[in-house]
Structure formats: C-alpha cells, structure tokens
Amino acid sequence: RHRIIASVKNFKSLDKALESQVGAAV
C-alpha cells in the first residue's frame, strides 16, 4: 500500500516520516 520506506537521519525527517504515509522507517 505504501511503497516508501523512510530513512530517518535527523529530527526533521523524524517528524516528516511520522506525518507521511510510509510503509516502514529506518
């Protein structure tokens, strides 16, 4: 359903990953 896997390397991308429709996060 959600073909994007978020790569969280800083706090800004942490917030983006939490707000987005991602399949998973690293």
mmCIF file of all heavy atoms, coordinates in Angstrom:
data_MODEL
# 
_entry.id   MODEL 
# 
loop_
_atom_site.group_PDB 
_atom_site.id 
_atom_site.type_symbol 
_atom_site.label_atom_id 
_atom_site.label_alt_id 
_atom_site.label_comp_id 
_atom_site.label_asym_id 
_atom_site.label_entity_id 
_atom_site.label_seq_id 
_atom_site.pdbx_PDB_ins_code 
_atom_site.Cartn_x 
_atom_site.Cartn_y 
_atom_site.Cartn_z 
_atom_site.occupancy 
_atom_site.B_iso_or_equiv 
_atom_site.pdbx_formal_charge 
_atom_site.auth_seq_id 
_atom_site.auth_comp_id 
_atom_site.auth_asym_id 
_atom_site.auth_atom_id 
_atom_site.pdbx_PDB_model_num 
ATOM 1   N N   . ARG A 1 1  ? 0.818  -1.219 0.000  1.00 0.00 ? 1  ARG A N   1 
ATOM 2   C CA  . ARG A 1 1  ? 0.000  0.000  0.000  1.00 0.00 ? 1  ARG A CA  1 
ATOM 3   C C   . ARG A 1 1  ? 0.849  1.266  0.000  1.00 0.00 ? 1  ARG A C   1 
ATOM 4   O O   . ARG A 1 1  ? 0.542  2.241  -0.668 1.00 0.00 ? 1  ARG A O   1 
ATOM 5   C CB  . ARG A 1 1  ? -0.929 0.015  1.219  1.00 0.00 ? 1  ARG A CB  1 
ATOM 6   C CG  . ARG A 1 1  ? -2.107 -0.902 1.129  1.00 0.00 ? 1  ARG A CG  1 
ATOM 7   C CD  . ARG A 1 1  ? -3.129 -0.643 2.234  1.00 0.00 ? 1  ARG A CD  1 
ATOM 8   N NE  . ARG A 1 1  ? -2.553 -0.399 3.534  1.00 0.00 ? 1  ARG A NE  1 
ATOM 9   C CZ  . ARG A 1 1  ? -2.353 -1.347 4.472  1.00 0.00 ? 1  ARG A CZ  1 
ATOM 10  N NH1 . ARG A 1 1  ? -2.666 -2.584 4.240  1.00 0.00 ? 1  ARG A NH1 1 
ATOM 11  N NH2 . ARG A 1 1  ? -1.845 -1.024 5.639  1.00 0.00 ? 1  ARG A NH2 1 
ATOM 12  N N   . HIS A 1 2  ? 1.904  1.262  0.815  1.00 0.00 ? 2  HIS A N   1 
ATOM 13  C CA  . HIS A 1 2  ? 2.766  2.439  0.985  1.00 0.00 ? 2  HIS A CA  1 
ATOM 14  C C   . HIS A 1 2  ? 4.186  2.016  0.618  1.00 0.00 ? 2  HIS A C   1 
ATOM 15  O O   . HIS A 1 2  ? 4.899  1.460  1.436  1.00 0.00 ? 2  HIS A O   1 
ATOM 16  C CB  . HIS A 1 2  ? 2.727  2.948  2.423  1.00 0.00 ? 2  HIS A CB  1 
ATOM 17  C CG  . HIS A 1 2  ? 1.354  3.152  2.971  1.00 0.00 ? 2  HIS A CG  1 
ATOM 18  N ND1 . HIS A 1 2  ? 0.540  4.173  2.569  1.00 0.00 ? 2  HIS A ND1 1 
ATOM 19  C CD2 . HIS A 1 2  ? 0.637  2.434  3.873  1.00 0.00 ? 2  HIS A CD2 1 
ATOM 20  C CE1 . HIS A 1 2  ? -0.612 4.095  3.213  1.00 0.00 ? 2  HIS A CE1 1 
ATOM 21  N NE2 . HIS A 1 2  ? -0.574 3.047  4.001  1.00 0.00 ? 2  HIS A NE2 1 
ATOM 22  N N   . ARG A 1 3  ? 4.590  2.313  -0.572 1.00 0.00 ? 3  ARG A N   1 
ATOM 23  C CA  . ARG A 1 3  ? 5.843  1.792  -1.118 1.00 0.00 ? 3  ARG A CA  1 
ATOM 24  C C   . ARG A 1 3  ? 7.074  2.615  -0.757 1.00 0.00 ? 3  ARG A C   1 
ATOM 25  O O   . ARG A 1 3  ? 8.137  2.404  -1.320 1.00 0.00 ? 3  ARG A O   1 
ATOM 26  C CB  . ARG A 1 3  ? 5.727  1.662  -2.620 1.00 0.00 ? 3  ARG A CB  1 
ATOM 27  C CG  . ARG A 1 3  ? 4.730  0.600  -3.000 1.00 0.00 ? 3  ARG A CG  1 
ATOM 28  C CD  . ARG A 1 3  ? 4.669  0.432  -4.485 1.00 0.00 ? 3  ARG A CD  1 
ATOM 29  N NE  . ARG A 1 3  ? 3.792  -0.681 -4.787 1.00 0.00 ? 3  ARG A NE  1 
ATOM 30  C CZ  . ARG A 1 3  ? 4.214  -1.810 -5.302 1.00 0.00 ? 3  ARG A CZ  1 
ATOM 31  N NH1 . ARG A 1 3  ? 5.485  -1.970 -5.578 1.00 0.00 ? 3  ARG A NH1 1 
ATOM 32  N NH2 . ARG A 1 3  ? 3.370  -2.784 -5.547 1.00 0.00 ? 3  ARG A NH2 1 
ATOM 33  N N   . ILE A 1 4  ? 6.949  3.528  0.165  1.00 0.00 ? 4  ILE A N   1 
ATOM 34  C CA  . ILE A 1 4  ? 8.083  4.351  0.579  1.00 0.00 ? 4  ILE A CA  1 
ATOM 35  C C   . ILE A 1 4  ? 8.557  3.884  1.958  1.00 0.00 ? 4  ILE A C   1 
ATOM 36  O O   . ILE A 1 4  ? 7.754  3.717  2.875  1.00 0.00 ? 4  ILE A O   1 
ATOM 37  C CB  . ILE A 1 4  ? 7.705  5.840  0.631  1.00 0.00 ? 4  ILE A CB  1 
ATOM 38  C CG1 . ILE A 1 4  ? 7.323  6.317  -0.762 1.00 0.00 ? 4  ILE A CG1 1 
ATOM 39  C CG2 . ILE A 1 4  ? 8.839  6.670  1.219  1.00 0.00 ? 4  ILE A CG2 1 
ATOM 40  C CD1 . ILE A 1 4  ? 6.774  7.725  -0.797 1.00 0.00 ? 4  ILE A CD1 1 
ATOM 41  N N   . ILE A 1 5  ? 9.867  3.701  2.091  1.00 0.00 ? 5  ILE A N   1 
ATOM 42  C CA  . ILE A 1 5  ? 10.477 3.403  3.388  1.00 0.00 ? 5  ILE A CA  1 
ATOM 43  C C   . ILE A 1 5  ? 11.295 4.629  3.768  1.00 0.00 ? 5  ILE A C   1 
ATOM 44  O O   . ILE A 1 5  ? 12.218 5.020  3.043  1.00 0.00 ? 5  ILE A O   1 
ATOM 45  C CB  . ILE A 1 5  ? 11.360 2.143  3.336  1.00 0.00 ? 5  ILE A CB  1 
ATOM 46  C CG1 . ILE A 1 5  ? 10.500 0.934  2.987  1.00 0.00 ? 5  ILE A CG1 1 
ATOM 47  C CG2 . ILE A 1 5  ? 12.076 1.948  4.664  1.00 0.00 ? 5  ILE A CG2 1 
ATOM 48  C CD1 . ILE A 1 5  ? 11.271 -0.354 2.812  1.00 0.00 ? 5  ILE A CD1 1 
ATOM 49  N N   . ALA A 1 6  ? 10.934 5.236  4.879  1.00 0.00 ? 6  ALA A N   1 
ATOM 50  C CA  . ALA A 1 6  ? 11.597 6.468  5.321  1.00 0.00 ? 6  ALA A CA  1 
ATOM 51  C C   . ALA A 1 6  ? 12.944 6.146  5.952  1.00 0.00 ? 6  ALA A C   1 
ATOM 52  O O   . ALA A 1 6  ? 13.055 5.214  6.751  1.00 0.00 ? 6  ALA A O   1 
ATOM 53  C CB  . ALA A 1 6  ? 10.722 7.199  6.327  1.00 0.00 ? 6  ALA A CB  1 
ATOM 54  N N   . SER A 1 7  ? 13.954 6.925  5.600  1.00 0.00 ? 7  SER A N   1 
ATOM 55  C CA  . SER A 1 7  ? 15.264 6.832  6.229  1.00 0.00 ? 7  SER A CA  1 
ATOM 56  C C   . SER A 1 7  ? 15.405 8.050  7.135  1.00 0.00 ? 7  SER A C   1 
ATOM 57  O O   . SER A 1 7  ? 15.549 9.177  6.661  1.00 0.00 ? 7  SER A O   1 
ATOM 58  C CB  . SER A 1 7  ? 16.361 6.823  5.175  1.00 0.00 ? 7  SER A CB  1 
ATOM 59  O OG  . SER A 1 7  ? 17.623 6.819  5.796  1.00 0.00 ? 7  SER A OG  1 
ATOM 60  N N   . VAL A 1 8  ? 15.336 7.836  8.433  1.00 0.00 ? 8  VAL A N   1 
ATOM 61  C CA  . VAL A 1 8  ? 15.326 8.931  9.400  1.00 0.00 ? 8  VAL A CA  1 
ATOM 62  C C   . VAL A 1 8  ? 16.750 9.167  9.895  1.00 0.00 ? 8  VAL A C   1 
ATOM 63  O O   . VAL A 1 8  ? 17.290 8.385  10.668 1.00 0.00 ? 8  VAL A O   1 
ATOM 64  C CB  . VAL A 1 8  ? 14.373 8.621  10.576 1.00 0.00 ? 8  VAL A CB  1 
ATOM 65  C CG1 . VAL A 1 8  ? 14.372 9.751  11.575 1.00 0.00 ? 8  VAL A CG1 1 
ATOM 66  C CG2 . VAL A 1 8  ? 12.972 8.338  10.057 1.00 0.00 ? 8  VAL A CG2 1 
ATOM 67  N N   . LYS A 1 9  ? 17.347 10.287 9.412  1.00 0.00 ? 9  LYS A N   1 
ATOM 68  C CA  . LYS A 1 9  ? 18.728 10.606 9.751  1.00 0.00 ? 9  LYS A CA  1 
ATOM 69  C C   . LYS A 1 9  ? 18.861 11.850 10.609 1.00 0.00 ? 9  LYS A C   1 
ATOM 70  O O   . LYS A 1 9  ? 19.943 12.163 11.087 1.00 0.00 ? 9  LYS A O   1 
ATOM 71  C CB  . LYS A 1 9  ? 19.540 10.788 8.470  1.00 0.00 ? 9  LYS A CB  1 
ATOM 72  C CG  . LYS A 1 9  ? 19.607 9.525  7.643  1.00 0.00 ? 9  LYS A CG  1 
ATOM 73  C CD  . LYS A 1 9  ? 20.382 9.760  6.378  1.00 0.00 ? 9  LYS A CD  1 
ATOM 74  C CE  . LYS A 1 9  ? 20.410 8.503  5.538  1.00 0.00 ? 9  LYS A CE  1 
ATOM 75  N NZ  . LYS A 1 9  ? 21.093 8.699  4.272  1.00 0.00 ? 9  LYS A NZ  1 
ATOM 76  N N   . ASN A 1 10 ? 17.758 12.588 10.776 1.00 0.00 ? 10 ASN A N   1 
ATOM 77  C CA  . ASN A 1 10 ? 17.772 13.770 11.632 1.00 0.00 ? 10 ASN A CA  1 
ATOM 78  C C   . ASN A 1 10 ? 16.356 14.000 12.166 1.00 0.00 ? 10 ASN A C   1 
ATOM 79  O O   . ASN A 1 10 ? 15.412 13.337 11.745 1.00 0.00 ? 10 ASN A O   1 
ATOM 80  C CB  . ASN A 1 10 ? 18.306 14.998 10.886 1.00 0.00 ? 10 ASN A CB  1 
ATOM 81  C CG  . ASN A 1 10 ? 17.535 15.276 9.622  1.00 0.00 ? 10 ASN A CG  1 
ATOM 82  O OD1 . ASN A 1 10 ? 16.301 15.298 9.623  1.00 0.00 ? 10 ASN A OD1 1 
ATOM 83  N ND2 . ASN A 1 10 ? 18.247 15.488 8.531  1.00 0.00 ? 10 ASN A ND2 1 
ATOM 84  N N   . PHE A 1 11 ? 16.218 14.937 13.079 1.00 0.00 ? 11 PHE A N   1 
ATOM 85  C CA  . PHE A 1 11 ? 14.925 15.148 13.725 1.00 0.00 ? 11 PHE A CA  1 
ATOM 86  C C   . PHE A 1 11 ? 13.873 15.707 12.772 1.00 0.00 ? 11 PHE A C   1 
ATOM 87  O O   . PHE A 1 11 ? 12.694 15.429 12.927 1.00 0.00 ? 11 PHE A O   1 
ATOM 88  C CB  . PHE A 1 11 ? 15.081 16.051 14.949 1.00 0.00 ? 11 PHE A CB  1 
ATOM 89  C CG  . PHE A 1 11 ? 15.904 15.401 16.021 1.00 0.00 ? 11 PHE A CG  1 
ATOM 90  C CD1 . PHE A 1 11 ? 17.191 15.817 16.267 1.00 0.00 ? 11 PHE A CD1 1 
ATOM 91  C CD2 . PHE A 1 11 ? 15.384 14.346 16.757 1.00 0.00 ? 11 PHE A CD2 1 
ATOM 92  C CE1 . PHE A 1 11 ? 17.958 15.198 17.243 1.00 0.00 ? 11 PHE A CE1 1 
ATOM 93  C CE2 . PHE A 1 11 ? 16.136 13.723 17.727 1.00 0.00 ? 11 PHE A CE2 1 
ATOM 94  C CZ  . PHE A 1 11 ? 17.429 14.152 17.976 1.00 0.00 ? 11 PHE A CZ  1 
ATOM 95  N N   . LYS A 1 12 ? 14.298 16.476 11.786 1.00 0.00 ? 12 LYS A N   1 
ATOM 96  C CA  . LYS A 1 12 ? 13.350 16.998 10.799 1.00 0.00 ? 12 LYS A CA  1 
ATOM 97  C C   . LYS A 1 12 ? 12.708 15.852 10.014 1.00 0.00 ? 12 LYS A C   1 
ATOM 98  O O   . LYS A 1 12 ? 11.500 15.835 9.790  1.00 0.00 ? 12 LYS A O   1 
ATOM 99  C CB  . LYS A 1 12 ? 14.069 17.963 9.859  1.00 0.00 ? 12 LYS A CB  1 
ATOM 100 C CG  . LYS A 1 12 ? 13.166 18.658 8.884  1.00 0.00 ? 12 LYS A CG  1 
ATOM 101 C CD  . LYS A 1 12 ? 13.968 19.646 8.042  1.00 0.00 ? 12 LYS A CD  1 
ATOM 102 C CE  . LYS A 1 12 ? 13.078 20.328 7.035  1.00 0.00 ? 12 LYS A CE  1 
ATOM 103 N NZ  . LYS A 1 12 ? 13.835 21.261 6.189  1.00 0.00 ? 12 LYS A NZ  1 
ATOM 104 N N   . SER A 1 13 ? 13.526 14.890 9.611  1.00 0.00 ? 13 SER A N   1 
ATOM 105 C CA  . SER A 1 13 ? 12.977 13.751 8.864  1.00 0.00 ? 13 SER A CA  1 
ATOM 106 C C   . SER A 1 13 ? 12.171 12.819 9.770  1.00 0.00 ? 13 SER A C   1 
ATOM 107 O O   . SER A 1 13 ? 11.294 12.106 9.287  1.00 0.00 ? 13 SER A O   1 
ATOM 108 C CB  . SER A 1 13 ? 14.082 12.985 8.132  1.00 0.00 ? 13 SER A CB  1 
ATOM 109 O OG  . SER A 1 13 ? 15.041 12.486 9.012  1.00 0.00 ? 13 SER A OG  1 
ATOM 110 N N   . LEU A 1 14 ? 12.423 12.852 11.074 1.00 0.00 ? 14 LEU A N   1 
ATOM 111 C CA  . LEU A 1 14 ? 11.617 12.073 12.020 1.00 0.00 ? 14 LEU A CA  1 
ATOM 112 C C   . LEU A 1 14 ? 10.176 12.570 11.987 1.00 0.00 ? 14 LEU A C   1 
ATOM 113 O O   . LEU A 1 14 ? 9.242  11.775 11.843 1.00 0.00 ? 14 LEU A O   1 
ATOM 114 C CB  . LEU A 1 14 ? 12.190 12.182 13.434 1.00 0.00 ? 14 LEU A CB  1 
ATOM 115 C CG  . LEU A 1 14 ? 11.404 11.478 14.532 1.00 0.00 ? 14 LEU A CG  1 
ATOM 116 C CD1 . LEU A 1 14 ? 11.659 9.988  14.505 1.00 0.00 ? 14 LEU A CD1 1 
ATOM 117 C CD2 . LEU A 1 14 ? 11.780 12.054 15.877 1.00 0.00 ? 14 LEU A CD2 1 
ATOM 118 N N   . ASP A 1 15 ? 9.995  13.873 12.067 1.00 0.00 ? 15 ASP A N   1 
ATOM 119 C CA  . ASP A 1 15 ? 8.649  14.454 12.009 1.00 0.00 ? 15 ASP A CA  1 
ATOM 120 C C   . ASP A 1 15 ? 7.975  14.178 10.668 1.00 0.00 ? 15 ASP A C   1 
ATOM 121 O O   . ASP A 1 15 ? 6.799  13.831 10.618 1.00 0.00 ? 15 ASP A O   1 
ATOM 122 C CB  . ASP A 1 15 ? 8.697  15.968 12.256 1.00 0.00 ? 15 ASP A CB  1 
ATOM 123 C CG  . ASP A 1 15 ? 9.033  16.313 13.695 1.00 0.00 ? 15 ASP A CG  1 
ATOM 124 O OD1 . ASP A 1 15 ? 8.766  15.478 14.582 1.00 0.00 ? 15 ASP A OD1 1 
ATOM 125 O OD2 . ASP A 1 15 ? 9.545  17.424 13.926 1.00 0.00 ? 15 ASP A OD2 1 
ATOM 126 N N   . LYS A 1 16 ? 8.725  14.324 9.585  1.00 0.00 ? 16 LYS A N   1 
ATOM 127 C CA  . LYS A 1 16 ? 8.160  14.067 8.252  1.00 0.00 ? 16 LYS A CA  1 
ATOM 128 C C   . LYS A 1 16 ? 7.705  12.621 8.120  1.00 0.00 ? 16 LYS A C   1 
ATOM 129 O O   . LYS A 1 16 ? 6.643  12.347 7.571  1.00 0.00 ? 16 LYS A O   1 
ATOM 130 C CB  . LYS A 1 16 ? 9.187  14.371 7.165  1.00 0.00 ? 16 LYS A CB  1 
ATOM 131 C CG  . LYS A 1 16 ? 9.272  15.790 6.763  1.00 0.00 ? 16 LYS A CG  1 
ATOM 132 C CD  . LYS A 1 16 ? 10.243 15.899 5.602  1.00 0.00 ? 16 LYS A CD  1 
ATOM 133 C CE  . LYS A 1 16 ? 9.997  17.144 4.819  1.00 0.00 ? 16 LYS A CE  1 
ATOM 134 N NZ  . LYS A 1 16 ? 10.898 17.253 3.681  1.00 0.00 ? 16 LYS A NZ  1 
ATOM 135 N N   . ALA A 1 17 ? 8.513  11.687 8.597  1.00 0.00 ? 17 ALA A N   1 
ATOM 136 C CA  . ALA A 1 17 ? 8.173  10.262 8.494  1.00 0.00 ? 17 ALA A CA  1 
ATOM 137 C C   . ALA A 1 17 ? 6.930  9.936  9.314  1.00 0.00 ? 17 ALA A C   1 
ATOM 138 O O   . ALA A 1 17 ? 6.091  9.142  8.887  1.00 0.00 ? 17 ALA A O   1 
ATOM 139 C CB  . ALA A 1 17 ? 9.349  9.405  8.948  1.00 0.00 ? 17 ALA A CB  1 
ATOM 140 N N   . LEU A 1 18 ? 6.796  10.560 10.466 1.00 0.00 ? 18 LEU A N   1 
ATOM 141 C CA  . LEU A 1 18 ? 5.627  10.306 11.319 1.00 0.00 ? 18 LEU A CA  1 
ATOM 142 C C   . LEU A 1 18 ? 4.353  10.864 10.695 1.00 0.00 ? 18 LEU A C   1 
ATOM 143 O O   . LEU A 1 18 ? 3.273  10.312 10.898 1.00 0.00 ? 18 LEU A O   1 
ATOM 144 C CB  . LEU A 1 18 ? 5.832  10.901 12.711 1.00 0.00 ? 18 LEU A CB  1 
ATOM 145 C CG  . LEU A 1 18 ? 6.839  10.162 13.591 1.00 0.00 ? 18 LEU A CG  1 
ATOM 146 C CD1 . LEU A 1 18 ? 7.172  10.995 14.825 1.00 0.00 ? 18 LEU A CD1 1 
ATOM 147 C CD2 . LEU A 1 18 ? 6.309  8.806  13.984 1.00 0.00 ? 18 LEU A CD2 1 
ATOM 148 N N   . GLU A 1 19 ? 4.462  11.943 9.934  1.00 0.00 ? 19 GLU A N   1 
ATOM 149 C CA  . GLU A 1 19 ? 3.294  12.580 9.331  1.00 0.00 ? 19 GLU A CA  1 
ATOM 150 C C   . GLU A 1 19 ? 2.945  12.004 7.958  1.00 0.00 ? 19 GLU A C   1 
ATOM 151 O O   . GLU A 1 19 ? 1.852  12.230 7.460  1.00 0.00 ? 19 GLU A O   1 
ATOM 152 C CB  . GLU A 1 19 ? 3.549  14.090 9.198  1.00 0.00 ? 19 GLU A CB  1 
ATOM 153 C CG  . GLU A 1 19 ? 3.694  14.786 10.532 1.00 0.00 ? 19 GLU A CG  1 
ATOM 154 C CD  . GLU A 1 19 ? 4.198  16.207 10.395 1.00 0.00 ? 19 GLU A CD  1 
ATOM 155 O OE1 . GLU A 1 19 ? 4.431  16.666 9.252  1.00 0.00 ? 19 GLU A OE1 1 
ATOM 156 O OE2 . GLU A 1 19 ? 4.375  16.863 11.424 1.00 0.00 ? 19 GLU A OE2 1 
ATOM 157 N N   . SER A 1 20 ? 3.855  11.274 7.341  1.00 0.00 ? 20 SER A N   1 
ATOM 158 C CA  . SER A 1 20 ? 3.657  10.764 5.984  1.00 0.00 ? 20 SER A CA  1 
ATOM 159 C C   . SER A 1 20 ? 3.082  9.354  5.996  1.00 0.00 ? 20 SER A C   1 
ATOM 160 O O   . SER A 1 20 ? 3.091  8.666  7.007  1.00 0.00 ? 20 SER A O   1 
ATOM 161 C CB  . SER A 1 20 ? 4.997  10.741 5.248  1.00 0.00 ? 20 SER A CB  1 
ATOM 162 O OG  . SER A 1 20 ? 5.557  12.017 5.209  1.00 0.00 ? 20 SER A OG  1 
ATOM 163 N N   . GLN A 1 21 ? 2.611  8.948  4.836  1.00 0.00 ? 21 GLN A N   1 
ATOM 164 C CA  . GLN A 1 21 ? 2.140  7.586  4.637  1.00 0.00 ? 21 GLN A CA  1 
ATOM 165 C C   . GLN A 1 21 ? 3.318  6.752  4.134  1.00 0.00 ? 21 GLN A C   1 
ATOM 166 O O   . GLN A 1 21 ? 3.535  6.647  2.931  1.00 0.00 ? 21 GLN A O   1 
ATOM 167 C CB  . GLN A 1 21 ? 0.991  7.561  3.630  1.00 0.00 ? 21 GLN A CB  1 
ATOM 168 C CG  . GLN A 1 21 ? -0.267 8.222  4.127  1.00 0.00 ? 21 GLN A CG  1 
ATOM 169 C CD  . GLN A 1 21 ? -0.900 7.424  5.254  1.00 0.00 ? 21 GLN A CD  1 
ATOM 170 O OE1 . GLN A 1 21 ? -0.918 6.215  5.230  1.00 0.00 ? 21 GLN A OE1 1 
ATOM 171 N NE2 . GLN A 1 21 ? -1.416 8.122  6.243  1.00 0.00 ? 21 GLN A NE2 1 
ATOM 172 N N   . VAL A 1 22 ? 4.086  6.203  5.044  1.00 0.00 ? 22 VAL A N   1 
ATOM 173 C CA  . VAL A 1 22 ? 5.239  5.384  4.677  1.00 0.00 ? 22 VAL A CA  1 
ATOM 174 C C   . VAL A 1 22 ? 4.970  3.932  5.037  1.00 0.00 ? 22 VAL A C   1 
ATOM 175 O O   . VAL A 1 22 ? 4.190  3.628  5.934  1.00 0.00 ? 22 VAL A O   1 
ATOM 176 C CB  . VAL A 1 22 ? 6.534  5.877  5.357  1.00 0.00 ? 22 VAL A CB  1 
ATOM 177 C CG1 . VAL A 1 22 ? 6.902  7.272  4.868  1.00 0.00 ? 22 VAL A CG1 1 
ATOM 178 C CG2 . VAL A 1 22 ? 6.426  5.854  6.862  1.00 0.00 ? 22 VAL A CG2 1 
ATOM 179 N N   . GLY A 1 23 ? 5.642  3.033  4.331  1.00 0.00 ? 23 GLY A N   1 
ATOM 180 C CA  . GLY A 1 23 ? 5.482  1.613  4.595  1.00 0.00 ? 23 GLY A CA  1 
ATOM 181 C C   . GLY A 1 23 ? 6.236  1.171  5.829  1.00 0.00 ? 23 GLY A C   1 
ATOM 182 O O   . GLY A 1 23 ? 5.807  0.274  6.555  1.00 0.00 ? 23 GLY A O   1 
ATOM 183 N N   . ALA A 1 24 ? 7.373  1.808  6.085  1.00 0.00 ? 24 ALA A N   1 
ATOM 184 C CA  . ALA A 1 24 ? 8.207  1.486  7.235  1.00 0.00 ? 24 ALA A CA  1 
ATOM 185 C C   . ALA A 1 24 ? 9.208  2.625  7.407  1.00 0.00 ? 24 ALA A C   1 
ATOM 186 O O   . ALA A 1 24 ? 9.273  3.542  6.578  1.00 0.00 ? 24 ALA A O   1 
ATOM 187 C CB  . ALA A 1 24 ? 8.931  0.161  7.031  1.00 0.00 ? 24 ALA A CB  1 
ATOM 188 N N   . ALA A 1 25 ? 9.984  2.548  8.478  1.00 0.00 ? 25 ALA A N   1 
ATOM 189 C CA  . ALA A 1 25 ? 11.006 3.562  8.734  1.00 0.00 ? 25 ALA A CA  1 
ATOM 190 C C   . ALA A 1 25 ? 12.262 2.887  9.262  1.00 0.00 ? 25 ALA A C   1 
ATOM 191 O O   . ALA A 1 25 ? 12.194 1.895  9.983  1.00 0.00 ? 25 ALA A O   1 
ATOM 192 C CB  . ALA A 1 25 ? 10.513 4.596  9.739  1.00 0.00 ? 25 ALA A CB  1 
ATOM 193 N N   . VAL A 1 26 ? 13.415 3.454  8.879  1.00 0.00 ? 26 VAL A N   1 
ATOM 194 C CA  . VAL A 1 26 ? 14.703 3.011  9.394  1.00 0.00 ? 26 VAL A CA  1 
ATOM 195 C C   . VAL A 1 26 ? 15.300 4.184  10.156 1.00 0.00 ? 26 VAL A C   1 
ATOM 196 O O   . VAL A 1 26 ? 15.519 5.258  9.591  1.00 0.00 ? 26 VAL A O   1 
ATOM 197 C CB  . VAL A 1 26 ? 15.656 2.581  8.248  1.00 0.00 ? 26 VAL A CB  1 
ATOM 198 C CG1 . VAL A 1 26 ? 17.012 2.179  8.816  1.00 0.00 ? 26 VAL A CG1 1 
ATOM 199 C CG2 . VAL A 1 26 ? 15.046 1.451  7.447  1.00 0.00 ? 26 VAL A CG2 1 
# 
